[in-house]
Amino acid sequence: MNPALRLILEDVFVALAHARRLYGDDAPSADVPAFTASREPMTALRQRWAAHHHPGSVQTVAAHAPAGRVNPAGREAVARYIYQQARARGYSPHDATAIVAYSLGESGLDPTVSGGVQGDAEVIGLFQEKPGFAAEGGVSPADRYTVEGNTTAYLNQLERHRGHGDIFQQLLATSVGGPMYTGGYPKMRELMGRAAALLGGAA
């Protein structure tokens, strides 16, 4: 096979695998080649493409983040952290679970995920935040790469919409996008179920 064509096909299959990781169906399917088993994130796809066409130009998310601040914890641990922080701010168990669900829909609870450049800046982390969003949420933009920083900035921003509609409407107003925007209440009900399963007895 032509090497350039193979690279393109590999990137397509890896992107499909990453989408399954974010939106469900974590098990590899028989029709996807074995090289996608790593669930390489979209940031890595862009890096591999850049490395192929512009050698020496690539940096990873971890390379941009301050040393020691990237925290790729397991999804259950991340879900519990977001839930506990929301409960500490007075959100009900239902609403705290909804906040976890929103992050699940935005990033798959992966703090290292990049959504790419959207508009004027790259969106990063659990709640897919731009630098300005983090700064307005009282957090250094560099801390978007961490579970703690991304969560704190988001909850600070969410607080501004508290009391305006139900929790899903508040999440939509805060993110100006995300799963409530793309899938409405049916998508949020699905994500709530998955979030509750990750939280186990914590919710």
N, C-alpha and C. Protein backbone atom coordinates (compact mmCIF):
# COMPACT_ATOMS: atom_id res chain seq x y z
N MET A 1 0.85 -1.20 0.00
CA MET A 1 0.00 0.00 0.00
C MET A 1 0.88 1.24 0.00
N ASN A 2 0.46 2.27 -0.71
CA ASN A 2 1.17 3.54 -0.70
C ASN A 2 1.31 4.05 0.72
N PRO A 3 2.53 4.43 1.15
CA PRO A 3 2.75 4.84 2.55
C PRO A 3 1.88 6.02 2.98
N ALA A 4 1.70 7.00 2.10
CA ALA A 4 0.87 8.17 2.46
C ALA A 4 -0.58 7.76 2.66
N LEU A 5 -1.07 6.86 1.78
CA LEU A 5 -2.45 6.39 1.92
C LEU A 5 -2.62 5.60 3.21
N ARG A 6 -1.62 4.78 3.54
CA ARG A 6 -1.70 4.00 4.78
C ARG A 6 -1.77 4.93 6.00
N LEU A 7 -0.98 6.01 5.99
CA LEU A 7 -1.00 6.96 7.11
C LEU A 7 -2.39 7.57 7.27
N ILE A 8 -2.99 7.95 6.14
CA ILE A 8 -4.34 8.54 6.19
C ILE A 8 -5.34 7.54 6.75
N LEU A 9 -5.29 6.29 6.26
CA LEU A 9 -6.23 5.27 6.73
C LEU A 9 -6.02 4.97 8.21
N GLU A 10 -4.77 4.94 8.66
CA GLU A 10 -4.51 4.70 10.07
C GLU A 10 -5.12 5.81 10.92
N ASP A 11 -4.97 7.06 10.47
CA ASP A 11 -5.52 8.19 11.23
C ASP A 11 -7.04 8.12 11.29
N VAL A 12 -7.68 7.69 10.21
CA VAL A 12 -9.14 7.55 10.20
C VAL A 12 -9.57 6.51 11.21
N PHE A 13 -8.92 5.35 11.20
CA PHE A 13 -9.28 4.29 12.12
C PHE A 13 -9.02 4.69 13.57
N VAL A 14 -7.91 5.39 13.82
CA VAL A 14 -7.61 5.82 15.18
C VAL A 14 -8.64 6.84 15.65
N ALA A 15 -9.05 7.74 14.76
CA ALA A 15 -10.07 8.74 15.12
C ALA A 15 -11.39 8.05 15.49
N LEU A 16 -11.75 7.00 14.75
CA LEU A 16 -12.97 6.26 15.06
C LEU A 16 -12.85 5.60 16.43
N ALA A 17 -11.69 5.04 16.72
CA ALA A 17 -11.48 4.40 18.02
C ALA A 17 -11.58 5.41 19.14
N HIS A 18 -11.01 6.60 18.90
CA HIS A 18 -11.08 7.64 19.94
C HIS A 18 -12.52 8.08 20.17
N ALA A 19 -13.29 8.18 19.10
CA ALA A 19 -14.70 8.55 19.26
C ALA A 19 -15.45 7.51 20.08
N ARG A 20 -15.13 6.22 19.88
CA ARG A 20 -15.78 5.19 20.69
C ARG A 20 -15.42 5.34 22.16
N ARG A 21 -14.14 5.74 22.42
CA ARG A 21 -13.74 5.90 23.82
C ARG A 21 -14.50 7.05 24.47
N LEU A 22 -14.70 8.13 23.74
CA LEU A 22 -15.40 9.28 24.31
C LEU A 22 -16.88 9.02 24.50
N TYR A 23 -17.50 8.34 23.53
CA TYR A 23 -18.95 8.26 23.51
C TYR A 23 -19.49 6.87 23.81
N GLY A 24 -18.60 5.98 24.24
CA GLY A 24 -19.08 4.65 24.63
C GLY A 24 -18.44 3.57 23.78
N ASP A 25 -18.81 2.33 24.08
CA ASP A 25 -18.30 1.18 23.35
C ASP A 25 -16.78 1.13 23.44
N ASP A 26 -16.28 0.93 24.67
CA ASP A 26 -14.84 0.92 24.90
C ASP A 26 -14.14 -0.30 24.31
N ALA A 27 -14.89 -1.35 24.00
CA ALA A 27 -14.25 -2.56 23.48
C ALA A 27 -13.91 -2.39 22.02
N PRO A 28 -12.68 -2.79 21.60
CA PRO A 28 -12.34 -2.71 20.17
C PRO A 28 -13.27 -3.59 19.36
N SER A 29 -13.68 -3.11 18.21
CA SER A 29 -14.55 -3.91 17.35
C SER A 29 -13.70 -4.66 16.34
N ALA A 30 -14.27 -5.74 15.79
CA ALA A 30 -13.51 -6.62 14.91
C ALA A 30 -13.12 -5.94 13.60
N ASP A 31 -13.87 -4.89 13.19
CA ASP A 31 -13.61 -4.27 11.90
C ASP A 31 -12.60 -3.14 11.99
N VAL A 32 -12.03 -2.87 13.19
CA VAL A 32 -11.03 -1.83 13.35
C VAL A 32 -9.68 -2.47 13.59
N PRO A 33 -8.66 -2.13 12.80
CA PRO A 33 -7.34 -2.79 12.94
C PRO A 33 -6.76 -2.65 14.32
N ALA A 34 -5.84 -3.58 14.64
CA ALA A 34 -5.28 -3.65 15.99
C ALA A 34 -4.49 -2.41 16.36
N PHE A 35 -3.97 -1.65 15.36
CA PHE A 35 -3.15 -0.51 15.73
C PHE A 35 -3.95 0.62 16.36
N THR A 36 -5.29 0.51 16.37
CA THR A 36 -6.12 1.53 17.02
C THR A 36 -6.37 1.22 18.48
N ALA A 37 -5.87 0.11 18.98
CA ALA A 37 -6.22 -0.32 20.35
C ALA A 37 -5.78 0.68 21.40
N SER A 38 -4.80 1.52 21.09
CA SER A 38 -4.31 2.48 22.07
C SER A 38 -5.29 3.64 22.29
N ARG A 39 -6.31 3.78 21.46
CA ARG A 39 -7.26 4.90 21.56
C ARG A 39 -6.50 6.23 21.53
N GLU A 40 -5.61 6.38 20.58
CA GLU A 40 -4.78 7.58 20.50
C GLU A 40 -5.66 8.82 20.42
N PRO A 41 -5.50 9.81 21.33
CA PRO A 41 -6.36 10.98 21.32
C PRO A 41 -6.13 11.85 20.11
N MET A 42 -7.09 12.77 19.86
CA MET A 42 -7.03 13.60 18.68
C MET A 42 -5.78 14.48 18.68
N THR A 43 -5.34 14.91 19.85
CA THR A 43 -4.09 15.68 19.90
C THR A 43 -2.96 14.90 19.27
N ALA A 44 -2.87 13.62 19.60
CA ALA A 44 -1.80 12.79 19.07
C ALA A 44 -1.95 12.60 17.56
N LEU A 45 -3.18 12.54 17.08
CA LEU A 45 -3.39 12.44 15.63
C LEU A 45 -2.78 13.65 14.93
N ARG A 46 -3.08 14.83 15.46
CA ARG A 46 -2.54 16.04 14.85
C ARG A 46 -1.02 16.06 14.94
N GLN A 47 -0.49 15.57 16.08
CA GLN A 47 0.95 15.54 16.25
C GLN A 47 1.61 14.60 15.24
N ARG A 48 1.01 13.44 15.03
CA ARG A 48 1.60 12.49 14.08
C ARG A 48 1.56 13.06 12.67
N TRP A 49 0.46 13.76 12.35
CA TRP A 49 0.36 14.35 11.01
C TRP A 49 1.41 15.45 10.84
N ALA A 50 1.55 16.31 11.88
CA ALA A 50 2.54 17.38 11.81
C ALA A 50 3.95 16.82 11.74
N ALA A 51 4.20 15.75 12.52
CA ALA A 51 5.52 15.15 12.51
C ALA A 51 5.86 14.59 11.13
N HIS A 52 4.82 14.08 10.44
CA HIS A 52 5.03 13.50 9.11
C HIS A 52 5.37 14.58 8.09
N HIS A 53 4.66 15.72 8.18
CA HIS A 53 4.83 16.76 7.18
C HIS A 53 5.78 17.87 7.60
N HIS A 54 5.91 18.11 8.94
CA HIS A 54 6.76 19.17 9.45
C HIS A 54 7.59 18.65 10.62
N PRO A 55 8.58 17.82 10.36
CA PRO A 55 9.38 17.22 11.45
C PRO A 55 9.95 18.29 12.38
N GLY A 56 9.94 17.98 13.69
CA GLY A 56 10.51 18.89 14.67
C GLY A 56 9.55 19.95 15.17
N SER A 57 8.30 19.96 14.67
CA SER A 57 7.38 21.03 15.05
C SER A 57 6.39 20.62 16.12
N VAL A 58 6.46 19.36 16.59
CA VAL A 58 5.38 18.82 17.41
C VAL A 58 5.70 18.89 18.90
N GLN A 59 4.69 19.31 19.69
CA GLN A 59 4.77 19.20 21.14
C GLN A 59 3.48 18.56 21.64
N THR A 60 3.59 17.77 22.68
CA THR A 60 2.42 17.13 23.24
C THR A 60 1.74 18.05 24.24
N VAL A 61 0.52 17.69 24.65
CA VAL A 61 -0.16 18.43 25.71
C VAL A 61 0.70 18.44 26.96
N ALA A 62 1.30 17.31 27.30
CA ALA A 62 2.13 17.25 28.50
C ALA A 62 3.33 18.19 28.40
N ALA A 63 3.85 18.37 27.19
CA ALA A 63 5.00 19.26 27.05
C ALA A 63 4.62 20.71 27.29
N HIS A 64 3.39 21.09 27.00
CA HIS A 64 2.94 22.45 27.24
C HIS A 64 2.63 22.69 28.71
N ALA A 65 2.25 21.67 29.44
CA ALA A 65 1.81 21.83 30.82
C ALA A 65 3.00 21.95 31.75
N PRO A 66 2.82 22.63 32.90
CA PRO A 66 3.90 22.71 33.89
C PRO A 66 4.29 21.32 34.37
N ALA A 67 5.55 21.13 34.67
CA ALA A 67 6.04 19.82 35.09
C ALA A 67 5.26 19.30 36.28
N GLY A 68 4.81 18.05 36.16
CA GLY A 68 4.14 17.41 37.27
C GLY A 68 2.67 17.74 37.42
N ARG A 69 2.12 18.58 36.51
CA ARG A 69 0.75 19.02 36.70
C ARG A 69 -0.26 18.25 35.86
N VAL A 70 0.19 17.50 34.83
CA VAL A 70 -0.74 16.67 34.09
C VAL A 70 -1.14 15.50 34.97
N ASN A 71 -2.43 15.24 35.09
CA ASN A 71 -2.91 14.24 36.04
C ASN A 71 -3.86 13.29 35.33
N PRO A 72 -3.34 12.33 34.57
CA PRO A 72 -4.21 11.40 33.84
C PRO A 72 -4.74 10.29 34.74
N ALA A 73 -5.50 10.65 35.76
CA ALA A 73 -6.07 9.66 36.68
C ALA A 73 -7.12 8.83 35.97
N GLY A 74 -7.48 7.69 36.59
CA GLY A 74 -8.53 6.87 36.03
C GLY A 74 -9.86 7.60 36.01
N ARG A 75 -10.74 7.16 35.13
CA ARG A 75 -12.02 7.87 34.97
C ARG A 75 -12.84 7.87 36.25
N GLU A 76 -12.80 6.77 37.00
CA GLU A 76 -13.58 6.72 38.25
C GLU A 76 -13.07 7.77 39.24
N ALA A 77 -11.75 7.87 39.36
CA ALA A 77 -11.17 8.84 40.28
C ALA A 77 -11.50 10.27 39.86
N VAL A 78 -11.44 10.54 38.57
CA VAL A 78 -11.78 11.87 38.06
C VAL A 78 -13.25 12.17 38.31
N ALA A 79 -14.12 11.20 38.05
CA ALA A 79 -15.55 11.39 38.27
C ALA A 79 -15.83 11.70 39.73
N ARG A 80 -15.19 10.96 40.63
CA ARG A 80 -15.40 11.20 42.06
C ARG A 80 -14.90 12.58 42.48
N TYR A 81 -13.78 13.00 41.92
CA TYR A 81 -13.24 14.31 42.27
C TYR A 81 -14.21 15.42 41.86
N ILE A 82 -14.69 15.38 40.62
CA ILE A 82 -15.63 16.40 40.15
C ILE A 82 -16.89 16.38 41.01
N TYR A 83 -17.39 15.18 41.29
CA TYR A 83 -18.61 15.04 42.08
C TYR A 83 -18.43 15.63 43.47
N GLN A 84 -17.32 15.30 44.11
CA GLN A 84 -17.08 15.79 45.47
C GLN A 84 -16.93 17.30 45.51
N GLN A 85 -16.26 17.86 44.50
CA GLN A 85 -16.10 19.32 44.45
C GLN A 85 -17.45 20.01 44.24
N ALA A 86 -18.30 19.42 43.42
CA ALA A 86 -19.63 19.99 43.19
C ALA A 86 -20.48 19.90 44.46
N ARG A 87 -20.42 18.77 45.14
CA ARG A 87 -21.20 18.61 46.38
C ARG A 87 -20.72 19.59 47.45
N ALA A 88 -19.40 19.83 47.49
CA ALA A 88 -18.86 20.78 48.47
C ALA A 88 -19.37 22.19 48.23
N ARG A 89 -19.81 22.48 47.01
CA ARG A 89 -20.36 23.79 46.69
C ARG A 89 -21.87 23.85 46.85
N GLY A 90 -22.45 22.76 47.35
CA GLY A 90 -23.87 22.76 47.64
C GLY A 90 -24.76 22.20 46.56
N TYR A 91 -24.18 21.64 45.50
CA TYR A 91 -25.02 21.01 44.47
C TYR A 91 -25.59 19.71 45.00
N SER A 92 -26.81 19.41 44.60
CA SER A 92 -27.47 18.17 45.02
C SER A 92 -26.76 16.97 44.39
N PRO A 93 -27.00 15.76 44.90
CA PRO A 93 -26.41 14.59 44.26
C PRO A 93 -26.76 14.49 42.77
N HIS A 94 -28.02 14.81 42.42
CA HIS A 94 -28.43 14.77 41.02
C HIS A 94 -27.64 15.77 40.20
N ASP A 95 -27.54 17.00 40.68
CA ASP A 95 -26.87 18.05 39.91
C ASP A 95 -25.36 17.81 39.84
N ALA A 96 -24.78 17.29 40.92
CA ALA A 96 -23.36 16.97 40.89
C ALA A 96 -23.07 15.85 39.88
N THR A 97 -23.97 14.89 39.80
CA THR A 97 -23.82 13.82 38.80
C THR A 97 -23.95 14.39 37.40
N ALA A 98 -24.83 15.36 37.22
CA ALA A 98 -25.00 15.99 35.91
C ALA A 98 -23.72 16.71 35.49
N ILE A 99 -23.03 17.32 36.43
CA ILE A 99 -21.77 18.01 36.13
C ILE A 99 -20.72 16.99 35.69
N VAL A 100 -20.65 15.86 36.39
CA VAL A 100 -19.75 14.78 35.98
C VAL A 100 -20.13 14.31 34.57
N ALA A 101 -21.43 14.15 34.33
CA ALA A 101 -21.91 13.69 33.02
C ALA A 101 -21.50 14.64 31.91
N TYR A 102 -21.52 15.94 32.21
CA TYR A 102 -21.14 16.91 31.18
C TYR A 102 -19.67 16.75 30.81
N SER A 103 -18.83 16.56 31.81
CA SER A 103 -17.41 16.34 31.53
C SER A 103 -17.21 15.03 30.77
N LEU A 104 -17.99 14.03 31.11
CA LEU A 104 -17.92 12.75 30.39
C LEU A 104 -18.24 12.96 28.91
N GLY A 105 -19.26 13.77 28.64
CA GLY A 105 -19.61 14.05 27.25
C GLY A 105 -18.61 14.94 26.54
N GLU A 106 -17.97 15.83 27.27
CA GLU A 106 -17.01 16.76 26.67
C GLU A 106 -15.66 16.09 26.37
N SER A 107 -15.18 15.27 27.30
CA SER A 107 -13.81 14.79 27.19
C SER A 107 -13.62 13.31 27.49
N GLY A 108 -14.71 12.61 27.85
CA GLY A 108 -14.54 11.24 28.30
C GLY A 108 -13.83 11.15 29.64
N LEU A 109 -13.83 12.28 30.39
CA LEU A 109 -13.14 12.39 31.69
C LEU A 109 -11.63 12.21 31.54
N ASP A 110 -11.12 12.61 30.40
CA ASP A 110 -9.68 12.55 30.15
C ASP A 110 -9.12 13.97 30.23
N PRO A 111 -8.31 14.29 31.26
CA PRO A 111 -7.82 15.66 31.42
C PRO A 111 -6.81 16.09 30.38
N THR A 112 -6.32 15.16 29.56
CA THR A 112 -5.30 15.50 28.56
C THR A 112 -5.88 15.71 27.17
N VAL A 113 -7.18 15.57 27.01
CA VAL A 113 -7.79 15.65 25.68
C VAL A 113 -7.80 17.09 25.16
N SER A 114 -7.41 17.26 23.92
CA SER A 114 -7.53 18.54 23.23
C SER A 114 -8.65 18.45 22.21
N GLY A 115 -9.51 19.46 22.18
CA GLY A 115 -10.54 19.55 21.16
C GLY A 115 -10.09 20.35 19.96
N GLY A 116 -8.80 20.72 19.93
CA GLY A 116 -8.29 21.51 18.82
C GLY A 116 -8.61 22.99 18.98
N VAL A 117 -8.20 23.75 18.00
CA VAL A 117 -8.47 25.19 18.02
C VAL A 117 -9.91 25.42 17.60
N GLN A 118 -10.64 26.10 18.46
CA GLN A 118 -12.04 26.45 18.17
C GLN A 118 -12.16 27.97 18.27
N GLY A 119 -12.35 28.59 17.14
CA GLY A 119 -12.37 30.04 17.13
C GLY A 119 -10.97 30.59 17.25
N ASP A 120 -10.66 31.17 18.40
CA ASP A 120 -9.38 31.86 18.57
C ASP A 120 -8.39 31.12 19.45
N ALA A 121 -8.76 29.95 19.98
CA ALA A 121 -7.86 29.27 20.91
C ALA A 121 -8.18 27.78 20.99
N GLU A 122 -7.20 27.02 21.50
CA GLU A 122 -7.38 25.57 21.68
C GLU A 122 -8.19 25.30 22.94
N VAL A 123 -9.08 24.31 22.86
CA VAL A 123 -9.85 23.88 24.03
C VAL A 123 -9.21 22.63 24.59
N ILE A 124 -9.10 22.58 25.92
CA ILE A 124 -8.29 21.56 26.58
C ILE A 124 -9.03 21.01 27.80
N GLY A 125 -8.86 19.72 28.04
CA GLY A 125 -9.16 19.14 29.33
C GLY A 125 -10.58 18.67 29.55
N LEU A 126 -10.89 18.44 30.82
CA LEU A 126 -12.14 17.80 31.21
C LEU A 126 -13.38 18.49 30.67
N PHE A 127 -13.38 19.82 30.72
CA PHE A 127 -14.54 20.58 30.27
C PHE A 127 -14.23 21.38 29.00
N GLN A 128 -13.13 21.03 28.33
CA GLN A 128 -12.75 21.64 27.05
C GLN A 128 -12.74 23.17 27.13
N GLU A 129 -11.78 23.67 27.88
CA GLU A 129 -11.72 25.10 28.20
C GLU A 129 -10.67 25.82 27.36
N LYS A 130 -11.02 27.05 26.96
CA LYS A 130 -10.05 27.96 26.36
C LYS A 130 -9.27 28.68 27.47
N PRO A 131 -8.12 29.27 27.13
CA PRO A 131 -7.36 30.01 28.15
C PRO A 131 -8.18 31.10 28.83
N GLY A 132 -8.95 31.85 28.05
CA GLY A 132 -9.75 32.94 28.62
C GLY A 132 -10.81 32.44 29.58
N PHE A 133 -11.41 31.29 29.26
CA PHE A 133 -12.42 30.70 30.13
C PHE A 133 -11.81 30.36 31.48
N ALA A 134 -10.63 29.73 31.45
CA ALA A 134 -9.96 29.37 32.70
C ALA A 134 -9.61 30.62 33.51
N ALA A 135 -9.06 31.64 32.83
CA ALA A 135 -8.67 32.86 33.53
C ALA A 135 -9.87 33.55 34.17
N GLU A 136 -10.98 33.61 33.43
CA GLU A 136 -12.19 34.21 33.98
C GLU A 136 -12.76 33.38 35.12
N GLY A 137 -12.41 32.10 35.15
CA GLY A 137 -12.82 31.23 36.24
C GLY A 137 -11.84 31.24 37.40
N GLY A 138 -10.89 32.15 37.36
CA GLY A 138 -9.96 32.29 38.48
C GLY A 138 -8.81 31.32 38.51
N VAL A 139 -8.50 30.69 37.36
CA VAL A 139 -7.46 29.67 37.30
C VAL A 139 -6.47 30.03 36.21
N SER A 140 -5.19 29.78 36.46
CA SER A 140 -4.19 30.00 35.42
C SER A 140 -4.50 29.12 34.21
N PRO A 141 -4.44 29.68 33.00
CA PRO A 141 -4.68 28.85 31.82
C PRO A 141 -3.81 27.60 31.75
N ALA A 142 -2.61 27.65 32.33
CA ALA A 142 -1.74 26.47 32.33
C ALA A 142 -2.36 25.32 33.10
N ASP A 143 -3.24 25.64 34.06
CA ASP A 143 -3.84 24.61 34.89
C ASP A 143 -5.08 23.97 34.26
N ARG A 144 -5.41 24.39 33.05
CA ARG A 144 -6.47 23.68 32.31
C ARG A 144 -6.09 22.22 32.09
N TYR A 145 -4.80 21.93 32.12
CA TYR A 145 -4.31 20.58 31.82
C TYR A 145 -4.47 19.64 33.01
N THR A 146 -4.91 20.15 34.15
CA THR A 146 -5.02 19.31 35.33
C THR A 146 -6.48 19.07 35.71
N VAL A 147 -6.72 17.99 36.41
CA VAL A 147 -8.07 17.70 36.91
C VAL A 147 -8.53 18.83 37.82
N GLU A 148 -7.67 19.23 38.73
CA GLU A 148 -8.05 20.23 39.73
C GLU A 148 -8.33 21.59 39.10
N GLY A 149 -7.41 22.05 38.24
CA GLY A 149 -7.55 23.37 37.64
C GLY A 149 -8.74 23.46 36.71
N ASN A 150 -8.92 22.46 35.85
CA ASN A 150 -10.02 22.48 34.91
C ASN A 150 -11.36 22.45 35.63
N THR A 151 -11.44 21.62 36.67
CA THR A 151 -12.67 21.50 37.44
C THR A 151 -12.99 22.79 38.18
N THR A 152 -11.98 23.38 38.81
CA THR A 152 -12.20 24.61 39.57
C THR A 152 -12.67 25.74 38.67
N ALA A 153 -11.99 25.92 37.54
CA ALA A 153 -12.39 26.98 36.62
C ALA A 153 -13.83 26.78 36.15
N TYR A 154 -14.18 25.52 35.85
CA TYR A 154 -15.53 25.27 35.34
C TYR A 154 -16.59 25.52 36.41
N LEU A 155 -16.35 25.04 37.61
CA LEU A 155 -17.33 25.23 38.67
C LEU A 155 -17.47 26.71 39.03
N ASN A 156 -16.39 27.46 38.97
CA ASN A 156 -16.48 28.90 39.21
C ASN A 156 -17.33 29.59 38.15
N GLN A 157 -17.15 29.17 36.90
CA GLN A 157 -17.95 29.75 35.81
C GLN A 157 -19.41 29.29 35.90
N LEU A 158 -19.61 28.02 36.25
CA LEU A 158 -20.97 27.49 36.37
C LEU A 158 -21.76 28.24 37.44
N GLU A 159 -21.07 28.65 38.49
CA GLU A 159 -21.72 29.36 39.60
C GLU A 159 -22.46 30.60 39.12
N ARG A 160 -21.97 31.23 38.07
CA ARG A 160 -22.59 32.45 37.54
C ARG A 160 -23.98 32.19 36.94
N HIS A 161 -24.25 30.95 36.60
CA HIS A 161 -25.53 30.61 35.97
C HIS A 161 -26.46 29.87 36.94
N ARG A 162 -26.02 29.74 38.17
CA ARG A 162 -26.79 28.98 39.14
C ARG A 162 -28.16 29.63 39.36
N GLY A 163 -29.19 28.79 39.37
CA GLY A 163 -30.54 29.29 39.59
C GLY A 163 -31.25 29.70 38.31
N HIS A 164 -30.56 29.67 37.19
CA HIS A 164 -31.17 30.04 35.91
C HIS A 164 -31.51 28.77 35.13
N GLY A 165 -32.71 28.25 35.34
CA GLY A 165 -33.11 27.00 34.71
C GLY A 165 -32.57 25.80 35.46
N ASP A 166 -32.78 24.62 34.89
CA ASP A 166 -32.30 23.41 35.56
C ASP A 166 -30.79 23.27 35.33
N ILE A 167 -30.20 22.26 35.94
CA ILE A 167 -28.75 22.09 35.89
C ILE A 167 -28.26 21.92 34.46
N PHE A 168 -29.05 21.27 33.61
CA PHE A 168 -28.62 21.04 32.23
C PHE A 168 -28.58 22.36 31.46
N GLN A 169 -29.54 23.23 31.72
CA GLN A 169 -29.54 24.54 31.08
C GLN A 169 -28.38 25.39 31.59
N GLN A 170 -28.05 25.23 32.86
CA GLN A 170 -26.91 25.96 33.43
C GLN A 170 -25.60 25.48 32.80
N LEU A 171 -25.48 24.18 32.61
CA LEU A 171 -24.28 23.61 31.99
C LEU A 171 -24.14 24.09 30.54
N LEU A 172 -25.24 24.12 29.83
CA LEU A 172 -25.23 24.59 28.45
C LEU A 172 -24.83 26.06 28.39
N ALA A 173 -25.37 26.87 29.30
CA ALA A 173 -25.04 28.30 29.32
C ALA A 173 -23.57 28.52 29.65
N THR A 174 -23.01 27.67 30.49
CA THR A 174 -21.61 27.80 30.88
C THR A 174 -20.69 27.38 29.75
N SER A 175 -20.98 26.26 29.13
CA SER A 175 -20.10 25.71 28.09
C SER A 175 -20.34 26.33 26.72
N VAL A 176 -21.55 26.85 26.50
CA VAL A 176 -21.96 27.34 25.18
C VAL A 176 -21.67 26.26 24.13
N GLY A 177 -22.07 25.06 24.45
CA GLY A 177 -21.82 23.91 23.58
C GLY A 177 -21.84 22.65 24.42
N GLY A 178 -21.25 21.58 23.88
CA GLY A 178 -21.18 20.33 24.62
C GLY A 178 -22.38 19.44 24.38
N PRO A 179 -22.51 18.37 25.18
CA PRO A 179 -23.53 17.34 24.91
C PRO A 179 -24.96 17.83 24.99
N MET A 180 -25.25 18.82 25.84
CA MET A 180 -26.61 19.36 25.89
C MET A 180 -26.94 20.10 24.60
N TYR A 181 -25.94 20.73 24.02
CA TYR A 181 -26.13 21.46 22.77
C TYR A 181 -26.34 20.49 21.61
N THR A 182 -25.53 19.42 21.58
CA THR A 182 -25.58 18.52 20.43
C THR A 182 -26.64 17.44 20.55
N GLY A 183 -26.98 17.05 21.79
CA GLY A 183 -27.90 15.92 21.95
C GLY A 183 -29.09 16.17 22.84
N GLY A 184 -29.15 17.34 23.48
CA GLY A 184 -30.31 17.68 24.30
C GLY A 184 -30.48 16.77 25.50
N TYR A 185 -31.70 16.73 26.02
CA TYR A 185 -31.98 15.93 27.22
C TYR A 185 -31.79 14.44 27.01
N PRO A 186 -32.13 13.88 25.83
CA PRO A 186 -31.87 12.44 25.66
C PRO A 186 -30.39 12.08 25.84
N LYS A 187 -29.51 12.89 25.28
CA LYS A 187 -28.07 12.62 25.44
C LYS A 187 -27.66 12.77 26.89
N MET A 188 -28.20 13.78 27.57
CA MET A 188 -27.83 13.98 28.97
C MET A 188 -28.35 12.83 29.85
N ARG A 189 -29.50 12.27 29.55
CA ARG A 189 -29.99 11.12 30.32
C ARG A 189 -29.04 9.94 30.16
N GLU A 190 -28.58 9.73 28.93
CA GLU A 190 -27.63 8.64 28.69
C GLU A 190 -26.33 8.88 29.48
N LEU A 191 -25.81 10.09 29.41
CA LEU A 191 -24.56 10.40 30.11
C LEU A 191 -24.74 10.34 31.62
N MET A 192 -25.90 10.72 32.11
CA MET A 192 -26.18 10.64 33.56
C MET A 192 -26.07 9.19 34.02
N GLY A 193 -26.60 8.27 33.24
CA GLY A 193 -26.52 6.85 33.60
C GLY A 193 -25.10 6.36 33.64
N ARG A 194 -24.30 6.79 32.66
CA ARG A 194 -22.91 6.36 32.63
C ARG A 194 -22.12 7.00 33.77
N ALA A 195 -22.41 8.26 34.07
CA ALA A 195 -21.72 8.94 35.17
C ALA A 195 -22.05 8.26 36.50
N ALA A 196 -23.31 7.93 36.70
CA ALA A 196 -23.72 7.29 37.95
C ALA A 196 -23.01 5.94 38.11
N ALA A 197 -22.84 5.22 37.00
CA ALA A 197 -22.14 3.93 37.08
C ALA A 197 -20.68 4.11 37.46
N LEU A 198 -20.05 5.17 36.94
CA LEU A 198 -18.66 5.45 37.29
C LEU A 198 -18.52 5.85 38.76
N LEU A 199 -19.52 6.59 39.24
CA LEU A 199 -19.47 7.07 40.63
C LEU A 199 -19.77 5.97 41.62
N GLY A 200 -20.51 4.94 41.20
CA GLY A 200 -20.85 3.85 42.11
C GLY A 200 -21.61 4.35 43.31
N GLY A 201 -21.13 4.05 44.49
CA GLY A 201 -21.83 4.44 45.72
C GLY A 201 -21.64 5.89 46.11
N ALA A 202 -20.77 6.63 45.33
CA ALA A 202 -20.52 8.03 45.71
C ALA A 202 -21.71 8.91 45.41
N ALA A 203 -22.51 8.55 44.40
CA ALA A 203 -23.63 9.42 43.98
C ALA A 203 -24.84 9.16 44.86
